[in-house]
Each structure stands twice: as structure tokens, then as C-alpha cells.
Amino acid sequence: MKGWAHQGEVSLKPDHSEFVFVCKNGYFDICGINQNRIELKKRKLYYQSEYKVFGQGVAYSKQSKFGFSSVNSTNRYIYMIYSGRSQEEFGADYFAGNNILVFDWNGNPIVNLKTNRFLQRIVLDEDQKIIYGYGINRMTGEPEIAKYIIPDI
């Protein structure tokens, strides 16, 4: 059942040579793909969330911070939503983040793109240099799509 605690998302590099895995537990992995073999190239650990396994589920500590909730990538960069917020402080909205962290494929931080909304998911339109973000409007409770221009990096 520990697999539930480490669920996350994957983004494949467009040239199919690598992928990145992001996890709600505060870490992400960059892995290489070589002749159908997977090799861990880099792990970035921000913190390790506290959780307990019970029956068929997992319960997180309300004090634990939420890590990464969404990831997309290009051949140059990795874009991921980072929360860093706990349920104790932020209630049910703790998993959304207003930080889109950008890394290169060596795990080096490039820029933190601050957003004016707390987002749960992102997708990229690399050709148009746009990030589309999905979140819930905190005032109305309605879902919304936000559009951000990717700055020249």
C-alpha cells in the first residue's frame, strides 16, 4: 500500500530519451531510458511527508506539506506545479500551488514562475509559449482555466 503514498505524475521528454516523475511526497526523479532500461539519473528531495498505511489506504499527517501535483516537459525544460502547503494551514486546497518550478534535465533549477492563482494541473503549448493551468476559483468555487505566457528563459 505504500505505492498509494508515492503516487504522482510522469512527463516523457519529447525526444523519448528521459522522463520525469513528480510525487506529492516532496520529491521528483529524472530517469533515463536506454534500450528499454530505466536508470535513475537524479532525485531532488525537498522533504518526506509523514503518512500511515491502513487497510487499503494511506493517511497523511495534516502537518505534512504537499509536494508536486502536475508536470509537463519540453526537450529543454521540466515544468511542475509545487505546493509546499499543509492541510493543517490551508484546508482542502493544500495540494494546489502557485509556483511553477522550471528545471533543466540535469535537475538544475532555472526559474520559479509565480502565478496569481493556485493551480492543480498544467499543460504546455510550447509552439505558442503558453502554459494553461487548471484550478478552482477560491471566491466562487468554480473550476477555471488560466493562461500564462512562458517567459524567455
N, C-alpha and C. Protein backbone atom coordinates (compact mmCIF):
# COMPACT_ATOMS: atom_id res chain seq x y z
N MET A 1 0.80 -1.19 0.00
CA MET A 1 0.00 0.00 0.00
C MET A 1 0.85 1.27 0.00
N LYS A 2 2.14 1.15 0.24
CA LYS A 2 2.99 2.34 0.20
C LYS A 2 2.98 2.98 -1.18
N GLY A 3 2.64 2.21 -2.20
CA GLY A 3 2.55 2.76 -3.55
C GLY A 3 1.56 3.90 -3.63
N TRP A 4 0.47 3.83 -2.84
CA TRP A 4 -0.51 4.91 -2.82
C TRP A 4 0.12 6.19 -2.31
N ALA A 5 1.03 6.07 -1.36
CA ALA A 5 1.65 7.26 -0.77
C ALA A 5 2.60 7.96 -1.73
N HIS A 6 3.08 7.23 -2.73
CA HIS A 6 4.06 7.81 -3.65
C HIS A 6 3.50 8.00 -5.05
N GLN A 7 2.17 8.05 -5.16
CA GLN A 7 1.57 8.29 -6.47
C GLN A 7 1.99 9.66 -6.97
N GLY A 8 2.09 9.75 -8.27
CA GLY A 8 2.46 11.02 -8.86
C GLY A 8 2.13 11.06 -10.33
N GLU A 9 2.86 11.86 -11.06
CA GLU A 9 2.66 12.00 -12.49
C GLU A 9 4.00 11.90 -13.21
N VAL A 10 3.91 11.55 -14.50
CA VAL A 10 5.10 11.37 -15.32
C VAL A 10 4.98 12.24 -16.56
N SER A 11 6.11 12.80 -17.00
CA SER A 11 6.17 13.50 -18.28
C SER A 11 7.37 12.97 -19.06
N LEU A 12 7.10 12.52 -20.27
CA LEU A 12 8.14 11.99 -21.15
C LEU A 12 8.76 13.12 -21.94
N LYS A 13 10.08 13.19 -21.95
CA LYS A 13 10.79 14.17 -22.77
C LYS A 13 10.42 13.91 -24.23
N PRO A 14 10.11 14.95 -24.99
CA PRO A 14 9.66 14.73 -26.38
C PRO A 14 10.60 13.88 -27.24
N ASP A 15 11.90 13.90 -26.96
CA ASP A 15 12.81 13.05 -27.75
C ASP A 15 12.86 11.60 -27.25
N HIS A 16 12.08 11.28 -26.21
CA HIS A 16 11.90 9.92 -25.65
C HIS A 16 13.16 9.36 -24.99
N SER A 17 14.12 10.19 -24.66
CA SER A 17 15.35 9.71 -24.03
C SER A 17 15.27 9.71 -22.50
N GLU A 18 14.33 10.47 -21.94
CA GLU A 18 14.22 10.61 -20.49
C GLU A 18 12.76 10.86 -20.11
N PHE A 19 12.47 10.69 -18.82
CA PHE A 19 11.19 11.11 -18.28
C PHE A 19 11.40 11.62 -16.88
N VAL A 20 10.42 12.38 -16.40
CA VAL A 20 10.46 12.89 -15.04
C VAL A 20 9.21 12.42 -14.32
N PHE A 21 9.39 12.01 -13.07
CA PHE A 21 8.29 11.59 -12.19
C PHE A 21 8.22 12.57 -11.04
N VAL A 22 7.04 13.16 -10.81
CA VAL A 22 6.85 14.05 -9.67
C VAL A 22 5.90 13.39 -8.69
N CYS A 23 6.10 13.69 -7.42
CA CYS A 23 5.36 13.00 -6.36
C CYS A 23 4.83 14.00 -5.35
N LYS A 24 3.67 13.68 -4.80
CA LYS A 24 3.10 14.54 -3.76
C LYS A 24 3.93 14.52 -2.48
N ASN A 25 4.83 13.56 -2.36
CA ASN A 25 5.65 13.43 -1.15
C ASN A 25 6.86 14.34 -1.12
N GLY A 26 6.98 15.27 -2.05
CA GLY A 26 8.04 16.27 -1.96
C GLY A 26 9.33 15.90 -2.67
N TYR A 27 9.27 15.03 -3.67
CA TYR A 27 10.47 14.74 -4.45
C TYR A 27 10.11 14.51 -5.90
N PHE A 28 11.13 14.60 -6.75
CA PHE A 28 10.94 14.21 -8.14
C PHE A 28 12.18 13.50 -8.64
N ASP A 29 11.97 12.61 -9.60
CA ASP A 29 13.04 11.80 -10.19
C ASP A 29 13.16 12.10 -11.68
N ILE A 30 14.39 12.21 -12.15
CA ILE A 30 14.67 12.29 -13.58
C ILE A 30 15.33 10.97 -13.96
N CYS A 31 14.74 10.28 -14.93
CA CYS A 31 15.22 8.95 -15.31
C CYS A 31 15.56 8.92 -16.79
N GLY A 32 16.62 8.19 -17.11
CA GLY A 32 17.00 7.97 -18.49
C GLY A 32 16.40 6.68 -19.01
N ILE A 33 16.16 6.65 -20.32
CA ILE A 33 15.65 5.45 -20.97
C ILE A 33 16.68 5.03 -22.00
N ASN A 34 17.23 3.82 -21.83
CA ASN A 34 18.27 3.34 -22.73
C ASN A 34 18.00 1.87 -23.03
N GLN A 35 17.69 1.57 -24.28
CA GLN A 35 17.42 0.20 -24.72
C GLN A 35 16.43 -0.50 -23.79
N ASN A 36 15.31 0.16 -23.54
CA ASN A 36 14.23 -0.34 -22.70
C ASN A 36 14.62 -0.54 -21.25
N ARG A 37 15.72 0.07 -20.83
CA ARG A 37 16.11 0.05 -19.42
C ARG A 37 15.91 1.45 -18.85
N ILE A 38 15.52 1.51 -17.61
CA ILE A 38 15.31 2.79 -16.93
C ILE A 38 16.42 2.97 -15.90
N GLU A 39 17.00 4.16 -15.91
CA GLU A 39 18.10 4.48 -14.99
C GLU A 39 17.79 5.77 -14.27
N LEU A 40 17.81 5.74 -12.93
CA LEU A 40 17.62 6.95 -12.14
C LEU A 40 18.84 7.84 -12.32
N LYS A 41 18.64 9.04 -12.86
CA LYS A 41 19.74 9.98 -13.10
C LYS A 41 19.85 11.01 -11.99
N LYS A 42 18.70 11.43 -11.47
CA LYS A 42 18.71 12.49 -10.46
C LYS A 42 17.45 12.41 -9.63
N ARG A 43 17.59 12.53 -8.33
CA ARG A 43 16.44 12.66 -7.42
C ARG A 43 16.63 13.95 -6.64
N LYS A 44 15.58 14.77 -6.66
CA LYS A 44 15.57 16.00 -5.88
C LYS A 44 14.55 15.82 -4.76
N LEU A 45 15.02 15.84 -3.53
CA LEU A 45 14.15 15.64 -2.37
C LEU A 45 14.03 16.95 -1.62
N TYR A 46 12.80 17.47 -1.55
CA TYR A 46 12.53 18.69 -0.79
C TYR A 46 12.25 18.35 0.67
N TYR A 47 11.52 17.28 0.90
CA TYR A 47 11.18 16.78 2.23
C TYR A 47 10.47 15.46 2.04
N GLN A 48 10.23 14.74 3.10
CA GLN A 48 9.49 13.48 3.05
C GLN A 48 8.23 13.64 3.89
N SER A 49 7.07 13.48 3.28
CA SER A 49 5.80 13.61 4.00
C SER A 49 5.60 12.46 4.97
N GLU A 50 4.92 12.75 6.08
CA GLU A 50 4.58 11.71 7.04
C GLU A 50 3.23 11.11 6.67
N TYR A 51 3.14 9.79 6.70
CA TYR A 51 1.88 9.11 6.40
C TYR A 51 1.84 7.77 7.12
N LYS A 52 0.61 7.23 7.21
CA LYS A 52 0.40 5.91 7.80
C LYS A 52 -0.40 5.08 6.80
N VAL A 53 -0.02 3.82 6.68
CA VAL A 53 -0.75 2.88 5.83
C VAL A 53 -1.77 2.17 6.71
N PHE A 54 -3.01 2.13 6.24
CA PHE A 54 -4.05 1.41 6.97
C PHE A 54 -4.95 0.70 5.96
N GLY A 55 -5.17 -0.60 6.15
CA GLY A 55 -6.03 -1.37 5.25
C GLY A 55 -5.63 -1.17 3.80
N GLN A 56 -6.56 -0.65 3.01
CA GLN A 56 -6.33 -0.41 1.58
C GLN A 56 -6.02 1.05 1.28
N GLY A 57 -5.65 1.83 2.27
CA GLY A 57 -5.44 3.26 2.04
C GLY A 57 -4.23 3.82 2.75
N VAL A 58 -4.07 5.11 2.58
CA VAL A 58 -2.96 5.85 3.17
C VAL A 58 -3.53 7.15 3.75
N ALA A 59 -3.08 7.52 4.94
CA ALA A 59 -3.48 8.79 5.54
C ALA A 59 -2.23 9.62 5.79
N TYR A 60 -2.25 10.84 5.30
CA TYR A 60 -1.14 11.77 5.50
C TYR A 60 -1.35 12.58 6.77
N SER A 61 -0.26 12.95 7.40
CA SER A 61 -0.32 13.86 8.52
C SER A 61 -0.81 15.21 8.02
N LYS A 62 -1.68 15.87 8.78
CA LYS A 62 -2.18 17.19 8.37
C LYS A 62 -1.08 18.24 8.40
N GLN A 63 0.01 17.95 9.08
CA GLN A 63 1.13 18.89 9.13
C GLN A 63 2.08 18.71 7.94
N SER A 64 1.98 17.59 7.24
CA SER A 64 2.88 17.32 6.11
C SER A 64 2.58 18.25 4.94
N LYS A 65 3.62 18.70 4.31
CA LYS A 65 3.47 19.54 3.13
C LYS A 65 3.19 18.67 1.91
N PHE A 66 2.46 19.23 0.97
CA PHE A 66 2.19 18.56 -0.30
C PHE A 66 3.26 19.02 -1.28
N GLY A 67 3.76 18.09 -2.08
CA GLY A 67 4.85 18.41 -3.00
C GLY A 67 4.37 18.86 -4.36
N PHE A 68 4.48 17.98 -5.32
CA PHE A 68 4.25 18.31 -6.73
C PHE A 68 2.95 17.68 -7.21
N SER A 69 2.16 18.45 -7.98
CA SER A 69 0.86 17.93 -8.40
C SER A 69 0.72 17.76 -9.91
N SER A 70 1.58 18.36 -10.70
CA SER A 70 1.44 18.26 -12.15
C SER A 70 2.80 18.52 -12.78
N VAL A 71 3.03 17.89 -13.95
CA VAL A 71 4.31 18.05 -14.63
C VAL A 71 4.12 17.97 -16.15
N ASN A 72 4.87 18.78 -16.86
CA ASN A 72 4.96 18.76 -18.32
C ASN A 72 6.39 19.08 -18.68
N SER A 73 6.80 18.73 -19.89
CA SER A 73 8.19 18.97 -20.24
C SER A 73 8.36 19.26 -21.73
N THR A 74 9.50 19.87 -22.02
CA THR A 74 9.95 20.08 -23.39
C THR A 74 11.32 19.41 -23.49
N ASN A 75 11.96 19.48 -24.63
CA ASN A 75 13.30 18.92 -24.75
C ASN A 75 14.33 19.69 -23.92
N ARG A 76 14.02 20.92 -23.54
CA ARG A 76 14.95 21.74 -22.74
C ARG A 76 14.63 21.75 -21.25
N TYR A 77 13.32 21.83 -20.92
CA TYR A 77 12.95 22.10 -19.54
C TYR A 77 11.82 21.21 -19.03
N ILE A 78 11.74 21.15 -17.69
CA ILE A 78 10.69 20.46 -16.97
C ILE A 78 9.90 21.53 -16.20
N TYR A 79 8.58 21.52 -16.34
CA TYR A 79 7.70 22.47 -15.66
C TYR A 79 6.82 21.69 -14.70
N MET A 80 6.79 22.09 -13.43
CA MET A 80 5.98 21.36 -12.45
C MET A 80 5.34 22.31 -11.45
N ILE A 81 4.12 21.97 -11.05
CA ILE A 81 3.44 22.74 -10.01
C ILE A 81 3.94 22.25 -8.66
N TYR A 82 4.34 23.21 -7.82
CA TYR A 82 4.79 22.90 -6.47
C TYR A 82 3.87 23.59 -5.47
N SER A 83 3.40 22.83 -4.49
CA SER A 83 2.52 23.38 -3.47
C SER A 83 3.31 23.84 -2.24
N GLY A 84 3.91 22.90 -1.52
CA GLY A 84 4.63 23.23 -0.29
C GLY A 84 3.71 23.66 0.85
N ARG A 85 2.42 23.35 0.73
CA ARG A 85 1.44 23.77 1.73
C ARG A 85 0.89 22.55 2.48
N SER A 86 0.52 22.75 3.73
CA SER A 86 -0.03 21.65 4.52
C SER A 86 -1.55 21.78 4.64
N GLN A 87 -2.19 20.65 4.89
CA GLN A 87 -3.64 20.63 5.09
C GLN A 87 -4.00 21.38 6.37
N GLU A 88 -3.14 21.30 7.37
CA GLU A 88 -3.40 22.00 8.63
C GLU A 88 -3.53 23.50 8.41
N GLU A 89 -2.68 24.07 7.56
CA GLU A 89 -2.70 25.51 7.31
C GLU A 89 -3.73 25.95 6.27
N PHE A 90 -3.92 25.14 5.22
CA PHE A 90 -4.68 25.59 4.06
C PHE A 90 -5.95 24.78 3.78
N GLY A 91 -6.29 23.83 4.62
CA GLY A 91 -7.51 23.06 4.43
C GLY A 91 -7.48 22.22 3.17
N ALA A 92 -8.65 22.05 2.56
CA ALA A 92 -8.78 21.15 1.42
C ALA A 92 -8.03 21.62 0.18
N ASP A 93 -7.62 22.87 0.14
CA ASP A 93 -6.93 23.44 -1.02
C ASP A 93 -5.40 23.31 -0.92
N TYR A 94 -4.91 22.53 0.02
CA TYR A 94 -3.47 22.47 0.28
C TYR A 94 -2.65 21.91 -0.88
N PHE A 95 -3.23 21.11 -1.74
CA PHE A 95 -2.47 20.46 -2.82
C PHE A 95 -2.26 21.36 -4.03
N ALA A 96 -3.01 22.46 -4.13
CA ALA A 96 -2.83 23.39 -5.25
C ALA A 96 -1.63 24.29 -4.96
N GLY A 97 -0.97 24.74 -6.02
CA GLY A 97 0.20 25.58 -5.83
C GLY A 97 0.23 26.76 -6.79
N ASN A 98 0.89 27.82 -6.37
CA ASN A 98 1.06 28.98 -7.25
C ASN A 98 2.52 29.15 -7.66
N ASN A 99 3.25 28.06 -7.64
CA ASN A 99 4.64 28.04 -8.09
C ASN A 99 4.77 27.02 -9.22
N ILE A 100 5.18 27.49 -10.39
CA ILE A 100 5.55 26.58 -11.46
C ILE A 100 7.07 26.58 -11.49
N LEU A 101 7.65 25.51 -10.96
CA LEU A 101 9.11 25.40 -10.92
C LEU A 101 9.59 24.86 -12.25
N VAL A 102 10.64 25.47 -12.77
CA VAL A 102 11.23 25.06 -14.04
C VAL A 102 12.65 24.56 -13.76
N PHE A 103 12.94 23.35 -14.24
CA PHE A 103 14.26 22.73 -14.09
C PHE A 103 14.77 22.32 -15.46
N ASP A 104 16.09 22.20 -15.58
CA ASP A 104 16.62 21.57 -16.79
C ASP A 104 16.65 20.06 -16.56
N TRP A 105 17.07 19.32 -17.57
CA TRP A 105 17.04 17.86 -17.47
C TRP A 105 18.19 17.28 -16.64
N ASN A 106 19.04 18.16 -16.09
CA ASN A 106 20.05 17.73 -15.12
C ASN A 106 19.60 17.97 -13.69
N GLY A 107 18.38 18.50 -13.54
CA GLY A 107 17.85 18.77 -12.21
C GLY A 107 18.22 20.13 -11.66
N ASN A 108 18.80 20.98 -12.49
CA ASN A 108 19.18 22.32 -12.03
C ASN A 108 17.97 23.25 -12.09
N PRO A 109 17.72 24.00 -11.01
CA PRO A 109 16.61 24.94 -11.04
C PRO A 109 16.90 26.08 -12.01
N ILE A 110 15.88 26.46 -12.80
CA ILE A 110 16.03 27.54 -13.78
C ILE A 110 15.27 28.78 -13.31
N VAL A 111 13.99 28.62 -12.99
CA VAL A 111 13.18 29.76 -12.57
C VAL A 111 11.94 29.25 -11.83
N ASN A 112 11.42 30.09 -10.93
CA ASN A 112 10.15 29.84 -10.26
C ASN A 112 9.15 30.84 -10.85
N LEU A 113 8.20 30.35 -11.63
CA LEU A 113 7.18 31.20 -12.21
C LEU A 113 6.02 31.29 -11.22
N LYS A 114 5.84 32.44 -10.58
CA LYS A 114 4.75 32.64 -9.63
C LYS A 114 3.47 32.94 -10.41
N THR A 115 2.38 32.28 -10.03
CA THR A 115 1.10 32.52 -10.69
C THR A 115 0.17 33.28 -9.74
N ASN A 116 -0.84 33.91 -10.30
CA ASN A 116 -1.80 34.67 -9.49
C ASN A 116 -2.97 33.80 -9.04
N ARG A 117 -2.91 32.51 -9.35
CA ARG A 117 -3.94 31.55 -8.93
C ARG A 117 -3.25 30.30 -8.40
N PHE A 118 -3.98 29.55 -7.59
CA PHE A 118 -3.48 28.26 -7.13
C PHE A 118 -3.96 27.21 -8.12
N LEU A 119 -3.01 26.54 -8.75
CA LEU A 119 -3.30 25.60 -9.83
C LEU A 119 -3.15 24.16 -9.36
N GLN A 120 -3.91 23.27 -10.02
CA GLN A 120 -3.80 21.84 -9.75
C GLN A 120 -3.13 21.09 -10.89
N ARG A 121 -3.32 21.57 -12.12
CA ARG A 121 -2.76 20.91 -13.30
C ARG A 121 -2.29 21.96 -14.30
N ILE A 122 -1.28 21.58 -15.08
CA ILE A 122 -0.82 22.44 -16.17
C ILE A 122 -0.59 21.61 -17.42
N VAL A 123 -0.71 22.27 -18.57
CA VAL A 123 -0.30 21.72 -19.85
C VAL A 123 0.43 22.83 -20.59
N LEU A 124 1.33 22.43 -21.49
CA LEU A 124 2.14 23.39 -22.23
C LEU A 124 1.74 23.41 -23.69
N ASP A 125 1.80 24.59 -24.27
CA ASP A 125 1.77 24.76 -25.72
C ASP A 125 3.10 25.40 -26.04
N GLU A 126 4.10 24.55 -26.30
CA GLU A 126 5.47 25.05 -26.50
C GLU A 126 5.57 25.96 -27.71
N ASP A 127 4.87 25.64 -28.78
CA ASP A 127 4.93 26.45 -30.00
C ASP A 127 4.42 27.87 -29.75
N GLN A 128 3.35 28.01 -28.99
CA GLN A 128 2.77 29.33 -28.70
C GLN A 128 3.35 29.97 -27.43
N LYS A 129 4.23 29.23 -26.73
CA LYS A 129 4.84 29.69 -25.47
C LYS A 129 3.78 30.03 -24.43
N ILE A 130 2.85 29.07 -24.23
CA ILE A 130 1.76 29.27 -23.29
C ILE A 130 1.68 28.09 -22.32
N ILE A 131 1.42 28.40 -21.07
CA ILE A 131 1.09 27.41 -20.05
C ILE A 131 -0.39 27.60 -19.74
N TYR A 132 -1.17 26.53 -19.84
CA TYR A 132 -2.56 26.55 -19.42
C TYR A 132 -2.63 25.86 -18.07
N GLY A 133 -3.27 26.51 -17.12
CA GLY A 133 -3.39 25.95 -15.80
C GLY A 133 -4.84 25.77 -15.40
N TYR A 134 -5.12 24.68 -14.69
CA TYR A 134 -6.46 24.39 -14.19
C TYR A 134 -6.45 24.57 -12.68
N GLY A 135 -7.47 25.23 -12.18
CA GLY A 135 -7.61 25.40 -10.74
C GLY A 135 -9.06 25.68 -10.39
N ILE A 136 -9.30 25.86 -9.11
CA ILE A 136 -10.64 26.19 -8.61
C ILE A 136 -10.58 27.63 -8.09
N ASN A 137 -11.51 28.45 -8.58
CA ASN A 137 -11.58 29.84 -8.13
C ASN A 137 -11.92 29.85 -6.65
N ARG A 138 -11.09 30.47 -5.84
CA ARG A 138 -11.26 30.46 -4.39
C ARG A 138 -12.47 31.26 -3.92
N MET A 139 -12.92 32.20 -4.73
CA MET A 139 -14.08 33.03 -4.35
C MET A 139 -15.40 32.36 -4.73
N THR A 140 -15.45 31.76 -5.93
CA THR A 140 -16.72 31.21 -6.43
C THR A 140 -16.82 29.70 -6.28
N GLY A 141 -15.70 29.02 -6.12
CA GLY A 141 -15.69 27.56 -6.05
C GLY A 141 -15.82 26.91 -7.42
N GLU A 142 -15.80 27.70 -8.48
CA GLU A 142 -15.95 27.20 -9.84
C GLU A 142 -14.59 26.84 -10.44
N PRO A 143 -14.54 25.81 -11.27
CA PRO A 143 -13.29 25.50 -11.97
C PRO A 143 -12.97 26.59 -12.99
N GLU A 144 -11.67 26.80 -13.22
CA GLU A 144 -11.27 27.80 -14.20
C GLU A 144 -9.96 27.41 -14.86
N ILE A 145 -9.77 27.94 -16.05
CA ILE A 145 -8.53 27.75 -16.80
C ILE A 145 -7.82 29.10 -16.86
N ALA A 146 -6.55 29.11 -16.50
CA ALA A 146 -5.74 30.31 -16.57
C ALA A 146 -4.69 30.14 -17.67
N LYS A 147 -4.30 31.24 -18.26
CA LYS A 147 -3.33 31.21 -19.36
C LYS A 147 -2.15 32.10 -18.98
N TYR A 148 -0.93 31.55 -19.11
CA TYR A 148 0.28 32.27 -18.78
C TYR A 148 1.25 32.18 -19.95
N ILE A 149 1.89 33.27 -20.25
CA ILE A 149 2.92 33.29 -21.29
C ILE A 149 4.22 32.77 -20.69
N ILE A 150 4.85 31.84 -21.35
CA ILE A 150 6.14 31.33 -20.89
C ILE A 150 7.20 32.38 -21.22
N PRO A 151 7.89 32.89 -20.20
CA PRO A 151 8.90 33.91 -20.48
C PRO A 151 10.12 33.30 -21.16
N ASP A 152 10.88 34.13 -21.86
CA ASP A 152 12.14 33.66 -22.42
C ASP A 152 13.08 33.33 -21.28
N ILE A 153 13.60 32.15 -21.30
CA ILE A 153 14.48 31.69 -20.21
C ILE A 153 15.89 31.61 -20.73
